[in-house]
N, C-alpha and C. Protein backbone atom coordinates (compact mmCIF):
# COMPACT_ATOMS: atom_id res chain seq x y z
N MET A 1 21.62 -7.05 -30.13
CA MET A 1 20.62 -6.07 -29.91
C MET A 1 19.88 -6.50 -28.44
N LYS A 2 19.81 -5.51 -27.60
CA LYS A 2 19.20 -5.67 -26.39
C LYS A 2 17.72 -5.75 -26.28
N GLN A 3 17.10 -6.86 -25.87
CA GLN A 3 15.64 -6.75 -25.85
C GLN A 3 15.14 -5.91 -24.70
N THR A 4 14.10 -5.30 -24.82
CA THR A 4 13.43 -4.50 -23.83
C THR A 4 12.20 -5.07 -23.29
N GLU A 5 11.81 -4.88 -22.08
CA GLU A 5 10.60 -5.38 -21.29
C GLU A 5 9.47 -4.91 -22.10
N PRO A 6 8.37 -5.92 -22.08
CA PRO A 6 7.15 -5.49 -22.65
C PRO A 6 6.56 -4.17 -22.05
N PRO A 7 5.84 -3.37 -22.88
CA PRO A 7 5.23 -2.02 -22.05
C PRO A 7 4.21 -2.52 -20.91
N PHE A 8 3.57 -3.68 -21.24
CA PHE A 8 2.35 -3.86 -20.40
C PHE A 8 2.97 -4.36 -18.95
N LYS A 9 4.22 -5.10 -19.02
CA LYS A 9 4.82 -5.39 -17.67
C LYS A 9 5.14 -4.23 -16.86
N ALA A 10 5.66 -3.23 -17.48
CA ALA A 10 5.92 -1.83 -16.70
C ALA A 10 4.55 -1.25 -16.14
N MET A 11 3.54 -1.27 -17.03
CA MET A 11 2.11 -0.84 -16.68
C MET A 11 1.66 -1.66 -15.66
N ALA A 12 1.90 -2.91 -15.49
CA ALA A 12 1.41 -3.75 -14.45
C ALA A 12 2.15 -3.31 -13.13
N LEU A 13 3.37 -3.34 -13.23
CA LEU A 13 4.06 -3.00 -11.94
C LEU A 13 3.55 -1.58 -11.50
N THR A 14 3.45 -0.58 -12.39
CA THR A 14 2.92 0.67 -12.02
C THR A 14 1.68 0.59 -11.09
N SER A 15 0.71 0.11 -11.78
CA SER A 15 -0.61 -0.08 -11.18
C SER A 15 -0.50 -0.81 -9.85
N MET A 16 0.53 -1.97 -9.71
CA MET A 16 0.49 -2.65 -8.38
C MET A 16 1.10 -1.58 -7.38
N ILE A 17 2.11 -0.80 -7.82
CA ILE A 17 2.73 0.18 -6.85
C ILE A 17 1.48 1.02 -6.41
N THR A 18 0.87 1.70 -7.39
CA THR A 18 -0.09 2.59 -6.93
C THR A 18 -1.23 2.09 -6.02
N SER A 19 -1.62 0.66 -6.49
CA SER A 19 -2.67 0.21 -5.55
C SER A 19 -2.19 -0.16 -4.20
N GLN A 20 -0.74 -0.56 -3.98
CA GLN A 20 -0.46 -0.74 -2.70
C GLN A 20 -0.12 0.53 -1.76
N LEU A 21 0.20 1.53 -2.52
CA LEU A 21 0.44 3.07 -1.76
C LEU A 21 -0.93 3.61 -1.53
N ALA A 22 -2.06 3.20 -2.21
CA ALA A 22 -3.28 3.91 -1.86
C ALA A 22 -4.03 2.97 -1.22
N GLY A 23 -4.10 1.69 -1.37
CA GLY A 23 -4.87 0.69 -0.83
C GLY A 23 -4.63 0.46 0.63
N GLY A 24 -3.40 0.54 1.10
CA GLY A 24 -2.93 0.48 2.58
C GLY A 24 -3.62 1.41 3.50
N PRO A 25 -3.35 2.78 3.08
CA PRO A 25 -3.92 3.80 3.90
C PRO A 25 -5.47 3.77 3.95
N LEU A 26 -5.96 3.57 2.90
CA LEU A 26 -7.39 3.51 2.83
C LEU A 26 -8.03 2.47 3.57
N ALA A 27 -7.40 1.35 3.56
CA ALA A 27 -7.94 0.26 4.47
C ALA A 27 -7.66 0.57 5.86
N GLY A 28 -6.62 1.22 6.18
CA GLY A 28 -6.33 1.59 7.56
C GLY A 28 -7.27 2.66 8.22
N VAL A 29 -7.57 3.65 7.33
CA VAL A 29 -8.48 4.66 7.68
C VAL A 29 -9.91 4.03 7.80
N TYR A 30 -10.25 3.14 6.87
CA TYR A 30 -11.54 2.54 7.03
C TYR A 30 -11.68 1.72 8.39
N LEU A 31 -10.73 0.96 8.60
CA LEU A 31 -10.92 0.22 9.78
C LEU A 31 -10.68 1.00 11.00
N GLY A 32 -9.93 2.00 10.93
CA GLY A 32 -9.84 2.88 12.27
C GLY A 32 -11.19 3.61 12.58
N LYS A 33 -11.87 4.17 11.41
CA LYS A 33 -13.15 4.85 11.57
C LYS A 33 -14.05 3.84 12.16
N TRP A 34 -13.99 2.59 11.60
CA TRP A 34 -14.88 1.53 12.21
C TRP A 34 -14.84 1.36 13.60
N ILE A 35 -13.60 1.14 13.92
CA ILE A 35 -13.14 0.88 15.43
C ILE A 35 -13.71 2.15 16.35
N ASP A 36 -13.29 3.38 15.75
CA ASP A 36 -13.81 4.52 16.44
C ASP A 36 -15.12 4.83 16.77
N SER A 37 -15.88 4.20 15.69
CA SER A 37 -17.42 4.33 15.75
C SER A 37 -18.09 3.36 16.75
N HIS A 38 -17.28 2.24 16.98
CA HIS A 38 -17.96 1.37 17.91
C HIS A 38 -17.50 1.62 19.40
N TYR A 39 -16.38 2.13 19.52
CA TYR A 39 -15.87 2.45 20.96
C TYR A 39 -15.85 3.90 21.27
N SER A 40 -16.42 4.95 20.43
CA SER A 40 -16.47 6.20 20.75
C SER A 40 -15.22 6.93 21.07
N THR A 41 -14.18 6.57 20.38
CA THR A 41 -12.86 7.18 20.57
C THR A 41 -12.37 7.95 19.41
N GLU A 42 -12.97 8.92 18.97
CA GLU A 42 -13.06 9.52 17.64
C GLU A 42 -11.75 9.54 16.91
N PRO A 43 -10.81 10.38 17.28
CA PRO A 43 -9.66 10.37 15.93
C PRO A 43 -8.43 9.38 16.33
N ILE A 44 -8.57 8.59 17.48
CA ILE A 44 -7.43 7.81 17.97
C ILE A 44 -7.14 6.69 16.93
N PHE A 45 -8.04 5.71 16.77
CA PHE A 45 -7.96 4.65 15.92
C PHE A 45 -7.76 5.07 14.43
N LEU A 46 -8.45 6.07 14.05
CA LEU A 46 -8.35 6.74 12.60
C LEU A 46 -6.73 7.10 12.39
N ILE A 47 -6.11 7.68 13.33
CA ILE A 47 -4.67 8.07 13.19
C ILE A 47 -3.99 6.84 13.12
N ILE A 48 -4.19 5.86 14.11
CA ILE A 48 -3.37 4.53 14.19
C ILE A 48 -3.58 3.94 13.02
N GLY A 49 -4.78 3.68 12.42
CA GLY A 49 -5.13 2.93 11.23
C GLY A 49 -4.25 3.66 9.96
N LEU A 50 -4.39 4.85 9.85
CA LEU A 50 -3.80 5.50 8.85
C LEU A 50 -2.08 5.33 8.87
N LEU A 51 -1.54 5.48 10.04
CA LEU A 51 0.05 5.15 10.21
C LEU A 51 0.23 3.80 9.88
N LEU A 52 -0.42 2.94 10.31
CA LEU A 52 -0.28 1.42 9.97
C LEU A 52 -0.46 1.06 8.44
N GLY A 53 -1.55 1.66 7.95
CA GLY A 53 -1.71 1.65 6.47
C GLY A 53 -0.61 2.03 5.65
N LEU A 54 -0.27 3.30 6.05
CA LEU A 54 1.10 3.95 5.44
C LEU A 54 2.26 3.02 5.46
N GLY A 55 2.46 2.52 6.64
CA GLY A 55 3.68 1.48 6.81
C GLY A 55 3.45 0.25 6.08
N ALA A 56 2.29 -0.21 6.20
CA ALA A 56 1.95 -1.39 5.37
C ALA A 56 2.13 -1.24 3.95
N GLY A 57 1.62 -0.16 3.29
CA GLY A 57 1.84 0.18 1.95
C GLY A 57 3.15 0.39 1.55
N THR A 58 3.93 0.87 2.51
CA THR A 58 5.23 1.32 2.04
C THR A 58 6.09 -0.02 1.99
N TYR A 59 6.02 -0.78 3.04
CA TYR A 59 6.69 -2.18 3.10
C TYR A 59 6.13 -3.03 1.91
N GLY A 60 4.91 -3.06 1.74
CA GLY A 60 4.47 -3.78 0.41
C GLY A 60 5.09 -3.40 -0.79
N THR A 61 5.28 -2.13 -1.07
CA THR A 61 5.90 -1.50 -2.18
C THR A 61 7.35 -1.90 -2.26
N ILE A 62 8.02 -1.83 -1.23
CA ILE A 62 9.45 -1.98 -1.25
C ILE A 62 9.67 -3.48 -1.59
N HIS A 63 8.87 -4.26 -0.98
CA HIS A 63 8.94 -5.76 -1.17
C HIS A 63 8.50 -6.11 -2.74
N LEU A 64 7.55 -5.46 -3.26
CA LEU A 64 7.24 -5.86 -4.63
C LEU A 64 8.34 -5.19 -5.52
N VAL A 65 8.87 -4.13 -5.18
CA VAL A 65 9.92 -3.80 -6.16
C VAL A 65 11.08 -4.44 -6.20
N ARG A 66 11.53 -4.93 -4.95
CA ARG A 66 12.81 -5.81 -4.74
C ARG A 66 12.57 -7.24 -5.35
N THR A 67 11.26 -7.63 -5.28
CA THR A 67 11.04 -8.90 -6.08
C THR A 67 11.14 -8.76 -7.51
N TYR A 68 10.66 -7.54 -7.92
CA TYR A 68 10.75 -7.25 -9.28
C TYR A 68 12.04 -7.13 -10.01
N THR A 69 12.83 -6.51 -9.12
CA THR A 69 14.30 -6.24 -9.49
C THR A 69 15.18 -7.32 -9.34
N GLY A 70 14.87 -8.21 -8.46
CA GLY A 70 15.64 -9.42 -8.39
C GLY A 70 16.61 -9.15 -7.11
N ASP A 71 16.25 -8.16 -6.18
CA ASP A 71 17.07 -7.87 -5.01
C ASP A 71 16.76 -8.76 -3.81
N ASP A 72 15.63 -9.30 -4.00
CA ASP A 72 15.00 -10.08 -2.69
C ASP A 72 15.79 -11.54 -2.60
């Protein structure tokens, strides 16, 4: 009989993926708004921060899933 993974392990992976995908863009937007407020360049660094945050969140999620599945 095949043993299954514990359900808490799947819940932990799901919460890590969610935090990676949500935290990266949020941190990028916050940092971009902060830089924009200091240099009066309203939407430029906000957009750059958002894109960098999306990229970082996506990369982190891919790395996390590859590590979890053993493909790394």
